[in-house]
């Protein structure tokens, strides 16, 4: 390895550490929340409701 490679590796490590610190700070302040488009959020919520009803049907059939 040459000096440029070591410098680049250190710079990348520093950036990754900054990202980790930022994510921890964000989680402490806002919780684990992802911001998504309202339309996408509605679609995900519908899919989740559908998955829950499928799980309920499976549980009923096992009983």
N, C-alpha and C. Protein backbone atom coordinates (compact mmCIF):
# COMPACT_ATOMS: atom_id res chain seq x y z
N UNK A 1 0.84 -1.19 0.00
CA UNK A 1 0.00 0.00 0.00
C UNK A 1 0.88 1.24 0.00
N UNK A 2 0.42 2.20 -0.72
CA UNK A 2 1.18 3.45 -0.72
C UNK A 2 0.49 4.47 0.17
N UNK A 3 1.10 5.63 0.29
CA UNK A 3 0.56 6.67 1.17
C UNK A 3 -0.81 7.16 0.73
N UNK A 4 -1.05 7.21 -0.60
CA UNK A 4 -2.35 7.67 -1.11
C UNK A 4 -3.46 6.71 -0.70
N UNK A 5 -3.16 5.41 -0.76
CA UNK A 5 -4.16 4.41 -0.38
C UNK A 5 -4.47 4.52 1.11
N UNK A 6 -3.44 4.70 1.91
CA UNK A 6 -3.65 4.85 3.35
C UNK A 6 -4.46 6.11 3.66
N UNK A 7 -4.16 7.20 2.96
CA UNK A 7 -4.90 8.44 3.16
C UNK A 7 -6.36 8.27 2.77
N UNK A 8 -6.61 7.61 1.63
CA UNK A 8 -7.97 7.38 1.17
C UNK A 8 -8.73 6.49 2.14
N UNK A 9 -8.08 5.47 2.63
CA UNK A 9 -8.72 4.56 3.59
C UNK A 9 -9.08 5.30 4.87
N UNK A 10 -8.19 6.16 5.34
CA UNK A 10 -8.46 6.92 6.55
C UNK A 10 -9.58 7.91 6.33
N UNK A 11 -9.60 8.55 5.17
CA UNK A 11 -10.68 9.49 4.86
C UNK A 11 -12.02 8.78 4.82
N UNK A 12 -12.06 7.60 4.21
CA UNK A 12 -13.30 6.83 4.15
C UNK A 12 -13.73 6.40 5.55
N UNK A 13 -12.80 5.96 6.36
CA UNK A 13 -13.12 5.58 7.74
C UNK A 13 -13.68 6.76 8.52
N UNK A 14 -13.12 7.94 8.30
CA UNK A 14 -13.61 9.15 8.97
C UNK A 14 -15.04 9.49 8.54
N UNK A 15 -15.30 9.37 7.24
CA UNK A 15 -16.65 9.65 6.73
C UNK A 15 -17.64 8.66 7.31
N UNK A 16 -17.28 7.38 7.32
CA UNK A 16 -18.17 6.36 7.87
C UNK A 16 -18.45 6.61 9.36
N UNK A 17 -17.45 7.03 10.09
CA UNK A 17 -17.64 7.34 11.50
C UNK A 17 -18.60 8.53 11.66
N UNK A 18 -18.46 9.53 10.80
CA UNK A 18 -19.38 10.67 10.84
C UNK A 18 -20.81 10.24 10.54
N UNK A 19 -20.98 9.36 9.57
CA UNK A 19 -22.32 8.85 9.23
C UNK A 19 -22.90 8.08 10.41
N UNK A 20 -22.11 7.23 11.03
CA UNK A 20 -22.59 6.48 12.21
C UNK A 20 -23.04 7.43 13.32
N UNK A 21 -22.22 8.44 13.59
CA UNK A 21 -22.57 9.41 14.63
C UNK A 21 -23.85 10.15 14.29
N UNK A 22 -24.01 10.51 13.03
CA UNK A 22 -25.22 11.22 12.60
C UNK A 22 -26.45 10.33 12.77
N UNK A 23 -26.35 9.07 12.36
CA UNK A 23 -27.48 8.16 12.48
C UNK A 23 -27.85 7.92 13.94
N UNK A 24 -26.87 7.79 14.80
CA UNK A 24 -27.16 7.64 16.23
C UNK A 24 -27.83 8.88 16.79
N UNK A 25 -27.34 10.05 16.40
CA UNK A 25 -27.94 11.30 16.84
C UNK A 25 -29.38 11.39 16.36
N UNK A 26 -29.59 11.05 15.08
CA UNK A 26 -30.93 11.12 14.51
C UNK A 26 -31.87 10.16 15.22
N UNK A 27 -31.40 8.96 15.52
CA UNK A 27 -32.24 7.98 16.22
C UNK A 27 -32.59 8.46 17.62
N UNK A 28 -31.64 9.07 18.31
CA UNK A 28 -31.91 9.58 19.66
C UNK A 28 -32.95 10.69 19.63
N UNK A 29 -32.90 11.54 18.61
CA UNK A 29 -33.78 12.70 18.54
C UNK A 29 -35.14 12.41 17.92
N UNK A 30 -35.17 11.51 16.95
CA UNK A 30 -36.42 11.31 16.21
C UNK A 30 -36.92 9.88 16.26
N UNK A 31 -36.15 8.99 16.81
CA UNK A 31 -36.55 7.58 16.78
C UNK A 31 -36.21 6.98 15.43
N UNK A 32 -36.58 5.74 15.28
CA UNK A 32 -36.30 5.05 14.01
C UNK A 32 -37.45 5.29 13.06
N UNK A 33 -37.42 6.41 12.38
CA UNK A 33 -38.48 6.79 11.46
C UNK A 33 -37.86 7.06 10.10
N UNK A 34 -38.45 6.47 9.09
CA UNK A 34 -38.03 6.78 7.73
C UNK A 34 -39.07 7.71 7.13
N UNK A 35 -38.61 8.75 6.50
CA UNK A 35 -39.53 9.67 5.85
C UNK A 35 -39.76 9.17 4.43
N UNK A 36 -41.03 8.94 4.10
CA UNK A 36 -41.38 8.47 2.76
C UNK A 36 -42.53 9.32 2.23
N UNK A 37 -42.71 9.25 0.95
CA UNK A 37 -43.81 9.94 0.29
C UNK A 37 -45.13 9.42 0.85
N UNK A 38 -46.12 10.29 0.98
CA UNK A 38 -47.41 9.90 1.56
C UNK A 38 -48.09 8.79 0.77
N UNK A 39 -47.98 8.84 -0.55
CA UNK A 39 -48.59 7.80 -1.38
C UNK A 39 -47.91 6.45 -1.13
N UNK A 40 -46.60 6.46 -1.05
CA UNK A 40 -45.84 5.24 -0.78
C UNK A 40 -46.20 4.71 0.60
N UNK A 41 -46.31 5.60 1.58
CA UNK A 41 -46.66 5.18 2.93
C UNK A 41 -48.04 4.52 2.96
N UNK A 42 -49.00 5.07 2.23
CA UNK A 42 -50.34 4.49 2.17
C UNK A 42 -50.31 3.11 1.54
N UNK A 43 -49.53 2.96 0.46
CA UNK A 43 -49.41 1.65 -0.19
C UNK A 43 -48.79 0.63 0.75
N UNK A 44 -47.76 1.04 1.47
CA UNK A 44 -47.12 0.13 2.43
C UNK A 44 -48.08 -0.27 3.54
N UNK A 45 -48.88 0.68 3.99
CA UNK A 45 -49.84 0.40 5.04
C UNK A 45 -50.90 -0.60 4.56
N UNK A 46 -51.34 -0.46 3.31
CA UNK A 46 -52.31 -1.40 2.75
C UNK A 46 -51.70 -2.79 2.63
N UNK A 47 -50.46 -2.86 2.18
CA UNK A 47 -49.78 -4.15 2.06
C UNK A 47 -49.64 -4.80 3.43
N UNK A 48 -49.29 -4.01 4.43
CA UNK A 48 -49.12 -4.53 5.79
C UNK A 48 -50.45 -5.06 6.32
N UNK A 49 -51.54 -4.35 6.05
CA UNK A 49 -52.87 -4.79 6.50
C UNK A 49 -53.23 -6.10 5.80
N UNK A 50 -52.92 -6.20 4.51
CA UNK A 50 -53.18 -7.43 3.77
C UNK A 50 -52.38 -8.59 4.33
N UNK A 51 -51.13 -8.35 4.67
CA UNK A 51 -50.27 -9.40 5.22
C UNK A 51 -50.80 -9.84 6.58
N UNK A 52 -51.31 -8.90 7.37
CA UNK A 52 -51.85 -9.25 8.69
C UNK A 52 -53.07 -10.14 8.54
N UNK A 53 -53.94 -9.84 7.55
CA UNK A 53 -55.13 -10.65 7.38
C UNK A 53 -54.76 -12.05 6.88
N UNK A 54 -53.73 -12.16 6.07
CA UNK A 54 -53.27 -13.48 5.61
C UNK A 54 -52.73 -14.27 6.80
N UNK A 55 -51.97 -13.62 7.67
CA UNK A 55 -51.45 -14.30 8.87
C UNK A 55 -52.60 -14.77 9.76
N UNK A 56 -53.65 -13.96 9.87
CA UNK A 56 -54.80 -14.33 10.68
C UNK A 56 -55.50 -15.56 10.09
N UNK A 57 -55.66 -15.58 8.77
CA UNK A 57 -56.29 -16.73 8.12
C UNK A 57 -55.46 -17.99 8.33
N UNK A 58 -54.16 -17.89 8.22
CA UNK A 58 -53.28 -19.05 8.42
C UNK A 58 -53.40 -19.55 9.85
N UNK A 59 -53.39 -18.62 10.81
CA UNK A 59 -53.50 -19.01 12.21
C UNK A 59 -54.84 -19.71 12.48
N UNK A 60 -55.91 -19.22 11.89
CA UNK A 60 -57.22 -19.85 12.08
C UNK A 60 -57.22 -21.25 11.50
N UNK A 61 -56.61 -21.45 10.36
CA UNK A 61 -56.59 -22.76 9.71
C UNK A 61 -55.77 -23.77 10.50
N UNK A 62 -54.75 -23.30 11.22
CA UNK A 62 -53.92 -24.21 12.03
C UNK A 62 -54.66 -24.65 13.29
N UNK A 63 -55.58 -23.80 13.77
CA UNK A 63 -56.26 -24.10 15.04
C UNK A 63 -57.33 -25.15 14.89
